C-alpha atoms as a PDB file:
ATOM      1  CA  UNK A   1     -19.055  -3.660   8.471  1.00  0.00           C
ATOM      2  CA  UNK A   2     -17.053  -0.664   7.292  1.00  0.00           C
ATOM      3  CA  UNK A   3     -17.133   0.461   3.684  1.00  0.00           C
ATOM      4  CA  UNK A   4     -13.907   0.123   1.683  1.00  0.00           C
ATOM      5  CA  UNK A   5     -12.697   3.547   0.575  1.00  0.00           C
ATOM      6  CA  UNK A   6     -11.764   4.583  -2.959  1.00  0.00           C
ATOM      7  CA  UNK A   7      -8.168   5.167  -1.826  1.00  0.00           C
ATOM      8  CA  UNK A   8      -7.905   1.652  -0.400  1.00  0.00           C
ATOM      9  CA  UNK A   9      -9.410   0.088  -3.532  1.00  0.00           C
ATOM     10  CA  UNK A  10      -6.932   1.921  -5.767  1.00  0.00           C
ATOM     11  CA  UNK A  11      -4.022   0.739  -3.594  1.00  0.00           C
ATOM     12  CA  UNK A  12      -5.239  -2.871  -3.764  1.00  0.00           C
ATOM     13  CA  UNK A  13      -5.125  -2.755  -7.573  1.00  0.00           C
ATOM     14  CA  UNK A  14      -1.404  -1.910  -7.473  1.00  0.00           C
ATOM     15  CA  UNK A  15      -0.418  -4.862  -5.264  1.00  0.00           C
ATOM     16  CA  UNK A  16       0.195  -8.338  -6.666  1.00  0.00           C
ATOM     17  CA  UNK A  17      -0.857 -11.402  -4.687  1.00  0.00           C
ATOM     18  CA  UNK A  18       2.602 -12.871  -4.084  1.00  0.00           C
ATOM     19  CA  UNK A  19       5.280 -13.156  -1.431  1.00  0.00           C
ATOM     20  CA  UNK A  20       7.630 -10.181  -1.349  1.00  0.00           C
ATOM     21  CA  UNK A  21      11.195 -10.061  -0.130  1.00  0.00           C
ATOM     22  CA  UNK A  22      11.914  -7.551   2.603  1.00  0.00           C
ATOM     23  CA  UNK A  23      13.532  -5.087   0.193  1.00  0.00           C
ATOM     24  CA  UNK A  24      10.645  -5.361  -2.288  1.00  0.00           C
ATOM     25  CA  UNK A  25       8.081  -4.913   0.476  1.00  0.00           C
ATOM     26  CA  UNK A  26       9.762  -1.762   1.794  1.00  0.00           C
ATOM     27  CA  UNK A  27       9.985  -0.303  -1.718  1.00  0.00           C
ATOM     28  CA  UNK A  28       6.314  -1.136  -2.297  1.00  0.00           C
ATOM     29  CA  UNK A  29       5.216   0.521   0.945  1.00  0.00           C
ATOM     30  CA  UNK A  30       7.184   3.673   0.163  1.00  0.00           C
ATOM     31  CA  UNK A  31       5.780   3.782  -3.379  1.00  0.00           C
ATOM     32  CA  UNK A  32       2.153   3.316  -2.304  1.00  0.00           C
ATOM     33  CA  UNK A  33       2.027   5.865   0.491  1.00  0.00           C
ATOM     34  CA  UNK A  34      -0.949   8.147   0.096  1.00  0.00           C
ATOM     35  CA  UNK A  35      -1.801   9.531   3.526  1.00  0.00           C
ATOM     36  CA  UNK A  36      -1.872  13.212   4.270  1.00  0.00           C
ATOM     37  CA  UNK A  37       0.860  12.880   6.897  1.00  0.00           C
ATOM     38  CA  UNK A  38       4.421  11.538   7.084  1.00  0.00           C
ATOM     39  CA  UNK A  39       4.281   7.741   6.697  1.00  0.00           C
ATOM     40  CA  UNK A  40       7.829   7.004   7.741  1.00  0.00           C
ATOM     41  CA  UNK A  41       8.825   3.355   7.804  1.00  0.00           C
END
């Protein structure tokens, strides 16, 4: 099984365990982007 990275763990801490509306989900994805390339949605 693969090891969970530090980046992934830090992103999990910022997400609440709830249902998001579409607008909230898009805002959350844009806020949490952390890759070294363009993560366009």
